[in-house]
Structure formats: C-alpha cells, structure tokens
Amino acid sequence: MKKTLFAGIAAVALVTGACSSSTFLVHKGGKAYYLGNESKTMEAMICDSGDLKKILSGTELTKQMKTDLYRYNCSAEKSGKQVKEIYALMTPGQRKGLRVAFKENGYDINYRPCCGAPVD
C-alpha cells in the first residue's frame, strides 16, 4: 500500500514538474526574454524579424513541434504555457539543438545583461 501510494505521488510530481518546466533565456540587441514570453517586444525580436522561422528550420525537431512552437510564439494563439509544455516534452538533444540554432542566428543563450536590459 505504501509503495503504491509513494509511486503515485512520485508520478504526479514528475508530471507536474514537467509541465511547469521553464524554457531558456534568449538575448539579442540588448533585450532578453524567456522563450515563450508573450510580450510584443519578444514577438518583434523573434517573429517579425523572421528569426524564429530560420531558427526552427535549423533544428531536428518534429514538424509538429516546429509548427506549434511558431504558433504559440508568433500568432494570435500566443501562449507561454503551451511553449513551456512543448519544451518539457523535448528530449535533451532536441533542447540543445534548439539552443544551438538560436546561437547560430545571433542570439546569446541564458545571458543576463547587467544594466537595464529587460529580462522577462
């Protein structure tokens, strides 16, 4: 009984933790935001510039993940929660590939600028 209860609690904690997982910080041009941030400035930085399309095309993510990441970052369906959920489902290799693709397109990853740049 105790083992079953413990296993159930552990499974719920694992699932809950995976869904609330954060993404990573992207920095370019003096601005830094977490991937999935719903601000207009983030949208201009990665969406309006066309960067996110280039970044996603340089990854080995599934077609569905690419479509969903673009949709939830750059469309009227923008949702930081959905971006975090997709990120939580990625393998460590897929996560690394996404970060590398951002770097290859001129972004710093997990860099916190020191003086006055927004970090959301």
C-alpha atoms as a PDB file:
ATOM      1  CA  MET A   1       0.000   0.000   0.000  1.00  0.00           C
ATOM      2  CA  LYS A   2       2.742   2.464   0.968  1.00  0.00           C
ATOM      3  CA  LYS A   3       4.750   1.619  -2.149  1.00  0.00           C
ATOM      4  CA  THR A   4       1.735   2.191  -4.399  1.00  0.00           C
ATOM      5  CA  LEU A   5       0.916   5.500  -2.718  1.00  0.00           C
ATOM      6  CA  PHE A   6       4.538   6.653  -2.954  1.00  0.00           C
ATOM      7  CA  ALA A   7       4.730   5.662  -6.640  1.00  0.00           C
ATOM      8  CA  GLY A   8       1.510   7.577  -7.353  1.00  0.00           C
ATOM      9  CA  ILE A   9       2.759  10.699  -5.591  1.00  0.00           C
ATOM     10  CA  ALA A  10       6.100  10.479  -7.402  1.00  0.00           C
ATOM     11  CA  ALA A  11       4.355  10.148 -10.779  1.00  0.00           C
ATOM     12  CA  VAL A  12       2.148  13.182 -10.111  1.00  0.00           C
ATOM     13  CA  ALA A  13       5.171  15.219  -9.011  1.00  0.00           C
ATOM     14  CA  LEU A  14       7.070  14.220 -12.140  1.00  0.00           C
ATOM     15  CA  VAL A  15       4.216  15.150 -14.468  1.00  0.00           C
ATOM     16  CA  THR A  16       3.506  18.404 -12.641  1.00  0.00           C
ATOM     17  CA  GLY A  17       7.176  19.332 -12.675  1.00  0.00           C
ATOM     18  CA  ALA A  18       7.476  18.592 -16.377  1.00  0.00           C
ATOM     19  CA  CYS A  19       4.505  20.802 -17.239  1.00  0.00           C
ATOM     20  CA  SER A  20       5.814  23.744 -15.251  1.00  0.00           C
ATOM     21  CA  SER A  21       9.304  23.468 -16.682  1.00  0.00           C
ATOM     22  CA  SER A  22      10.802  26.717 -17.815  1.00  0.00           C
ATOM     23  CA  THR A  23      12.442  27.419 -21.143  1.00  0.00           C
ATOM     24  CA  PHE A  24      15.658  29.354 -21.641  1.00  0.00           C
ATOM     25  CA  LEU A  25      16.634  32.994 -21.870  1.00  0.00           C
ATOM     26  CA  VAL A  26      17.263  34.423 -25.354  1.00  0.00           C
ATOM     27  CA  HIS A  27      19.196  37.677 -25.675  1.00  0.00           C
ATOM     28  CA  LYS A  28      19.791  39.871 -28.691  1.00  0.00           C
ATOM     29  CA  GLY A  29      20.135  43.589 -29.249  1.00  0.00           C
ATOM     30  CA  GLY A  30      20.182  44.444 -25.562  1.00  0.00           C
ATOM     31  CA  LYS A  31      16.922  42.619 -24.814  1.00  0.00           C
ATOM     32  CA  ALA A  32      16.477  39.293 -23.043  1.00  0.00           C
ATOM     33  CA  TYR A  33      13.330  37.214 -22.719  1.00  0.00           C
ATOM     34  CA  TYR A  34      12.433  33.643 -21.905  1.00  0.00           C
ATOM     35  CA  LEU A  35      11.295  31.677 -24.938  1.00  0.00           C
ATOM     36  CA  GLY A  36       7.506  31.768 -24.790  1.00  0.00           C
ATOM     37  CA  ASN A  37       7.299  35.284 -23.386  1.00  0.00           C
ATOM     38  CA  GLU A  38       4.101  36.846 -24.698  1.00  0.00           C
ATOM     39  CA  SER A  39       5.325  40.450 -24.973  1.00  0.00           C
ATOM     40  CA  LYS A  40       5.153  42.486 -28.187  1.00  0.00           C
ATOM     41  CA  THR A  41       8.884  43.200 -27.933  1.00  0.00           C
ATOM     42  CA  MET A  42       9.684  39.482 -27.884  1.00  0.00           C
ATOM     43  CA  GLU A  43       7.346  38.970 -30.828  1.00  0.00           C
ATOM     44  CA  ALA A  44       9.176  41.665 -32.790  1.00  0.00           C
ATOM     45  CA  MET A  45      12.554  40.178 -31.872  1.00  0.00           C
ATOM     46  CA  ILE A  46      11.920  36.571 -32.927  1.00  0.00           C
ATOM     47  CA  CYS A  47       8.763  36.626 -35.058  1.00  0.00           C
ATOM     48  CA  ASP A  48       8.514  39.878 -37.000  1.00  0.00           C
ATOM     49  CA  SER A  49      12.236  39.639 -37.811  1.00  0.00           C
ATOM     50  CA  GLY A  50      11.737  36.174 -39.324  1.00  0.00           C
ATOM     51  CA  ASP A  51      14.343  34.750 -36.960  1.00  0.00           C
ATOM     52  CA  LEU A  52      12.156  32.059 -35.405  1.00  0.00           C
ATOM     53  CA  LYS A  53      11.350  30.518 -38.795  1.00  0.00           C
ATOM     54  CA  LYS A  54      15.082  30.357 -39.616  1.00  0.00           C
ATOM     55  CA  ILE A  55      15.892  29.004 -36.166  1.00  0.00           C
ATOM     56  CA  LEU A  56      13.270  26.263 -36.293  1.00  0.00           C
ATOM     57  CA  SER A  57      14.297  25.231 -39.809  1.00  0.00           C
ATOM     58  CA  GLY A  58      17.804  24.607 -38.456  1.00  0.00           C
ATOM     59  CA  THR A  59      16.657  22.098 -35.842  1.00  0.00           C
ATOM     60  CA  GLU A  60      15.813  18.413 -35.861  1.00  0.00           C
ATOM     61  CA  LEU A  61      12.540  18.971 -34.035  1.00  0.00           C
ATOM     62  CA  THR A  62       9.499  17.189 -35.371  1.00  0.00           C
ATOM     63  CA  LYS A  63       7.408  19.076 -37.899  1.00  0.00           C
ATOM     64  CA  GLN A  64       4.593  19.289 -35.322  1.00  0.00           C
ATOM     65  CA  MET A  65       6.902  20.749 -32.660  1.00  0.00           C
ATOM     66  CA  LYS A  66       8.172  23.368 -35.118  1.00  0.00           C
ATOM     67  CA  THR A  67       4.627  24.279 -36.150  1.00  0.00           C
ATOM     68  CA  ASP A  68       3.449  24.502 -32.552  1.00  0.00           C
ATOM     69  CA  LEU A  69       6.457  26.485 -31.327  1.00  0.00           C
ATOM     70  CA  TYR A  70       5.929  29.001 -34.101  1.00  0.00           C
ATOM     71  CA  ARG A  71       2.176  29.182 -33.474  1.00  0.00           C
ATOM     72  CA  TYR A  72       2.468  29.645 -29.716  1.00  0.00           C
ATOM     73  CA  ASN A  73       5.224  32.256 -30.025  1.00  0.00           C
ATOM     74  CA  CYS A  74       4.109  34.200 -33.100  1.00  0.00           C
ATOM     75  CA  SER A  75       0.375  34.023 -33.741  1.00  0.00           C
ATOM     76  CA  ALA A  76      -2.880  35.155 -32.198  1.00  0.00           C
ATOM     77  CA  GLU A  77      -2.765  31.846 -30.287  1.00  0.00           C
ATOM     78  CA  LYS A  78       0.362  33.019 -28.440  1.00  0.00           C
ATOM     79  CA  SER A  79       0.757  31.036 -25.229  1.00  0.00           C
ATOM     80  CA  GLY A  80       3.769  30.893 -22.959  1.00  0.00           C
ATOM     81  CA  LYS A  81       2.178  27.955 -21.154  1.00  0.00           C
ATOM     82  CA  GLN A  82       1.970  25.937 -24.384  1.00  0.00           C
ATOM     83  CA  VAL A  83       5.590  26.794 -25.269  1.00  0.00           C
ATOM     84  CA  LYS A  84       6.708  25.530 -21.850  1.00  0.00           C
ATOM     85  CA  GLU A  85       4.703  22.325 -22.308  1.00  0.00           C
ATOM     86  CA  ILE A  86       6.286  21.662 -25.720  1.00  0.00           C
ATOM     87  CA  TYR A  87       9.729  22.396 -24.290  1.00  0.00           C
ATOM     88  CA  ALA A  88       9.087  19.978 -21.410  1.00  0.00           C
ATOM     89  CA  LEU A  89       8.315  17.215 -23.935  1.00  0.00           C
ATOM     90  CA  MET A  90      11.583  17.677 -25.828  1.00  0.00           C
ATOM     91  CA  THR A  91      14.482  15.314 -25.374  1.00  0.00           C
ATOM     92  CA  PRO A  92      17.727  16.773 -24.016  1.00  0.00           C
ATOM     93  CA  GLY A  93      19.153  16.568 -27.554  1.00  0.00           C
ATOM     94  CA  GLN A  94      16.221  18.487 -29.021  1.00  0.00           C
ATOM     95  CA  ARG A  95      16.555  21.165 -26.349  1.00  0.00           C
ATOM     96  CA  LYS A  96      20.258  21.524 -27.024  1.00  0.00           C
ATOM     97  CA  GLY A  97      19.636  21.671 -30.775  1.00  0.00           C
ATOM     98  CA  LEU A  98      17.120  24.483 -30.303  1.00  0.00           C
ATOM     99  CA  ARG A  99      19.550  26.484 -28.156  1.00  0.00           C
ATOM    100  CA  VAL A 100      22.334  25.932 -30.695  1.00  0.00           C
ATOM    101  CA  ALA A 101      20.051  27.099 -33.528  1.00  0.00           C
ATOM    102  CA  PHE A 102      19.350  30.320 -31.609  1.00  0.00           C
ATOM    103  CA  LYS A 103      23.110  30.844 -31.152  1.00  0.00           C
ATOM    104  CA  GLU A 104      23.730  30.244 -34.845  1.00  0.00           C
ATOM    105  CA  ASN A 105      21.232  33.013 -35.582  1.00  0.00           C
ATOM    106  CA  GLY A 106      22.934  35.635 -33.429  1.00  0.00           C
ATOM    107  CA  TYR A 107      21.304  35.097 -30.044  1.00  0.00           C
ATOM    108  CA  ASP A 108      23.009  34.667 -26.702  1.00  0.00           C
ATOM    109  CA  ILE A 109      21.500  31.944 -24.539  1.00  0.00           C
ATOM    110  CA  ASN A 110      20.927  32.301 -20.796  1.00  0.00           C
ATOM    111  CA  TYR A 111      22.829  35.589 -20.807  1.00  0.00           C
ATOM    112  CA  ARG A 112      21.558  38.192 -18.386  1.00  0.00           C
ATOM    113  CA  PRO A 113      22.662  41.675 -19.401  1.00  0.00           C
ATOM    114  CA  CYS A 114      23.875  43.692 -16.467  1.00  0.00           C
ATOM    115  CA  CYS A 115      22.497  47.143 -16.906  1.00  0.00           C
ATOM    116  CA  GLY A 116      18.884  47.899 -17.565  1.00  0.00           C
ATOM    117  CA  ALA A 117      18.001  45.427 -20.314  1.00  0.00           C
ATOM    118  CA  PRO A 118      14.610  43.843 -19.733  1.00  0.00           C
ATOM    119  CA  VAL A 119      14.522  40.236 -18.602  1.00  0.00           C
ATOM    120  CA  ASP A 120      11.075  38.665 -18.672  1.00  0.00           C
END
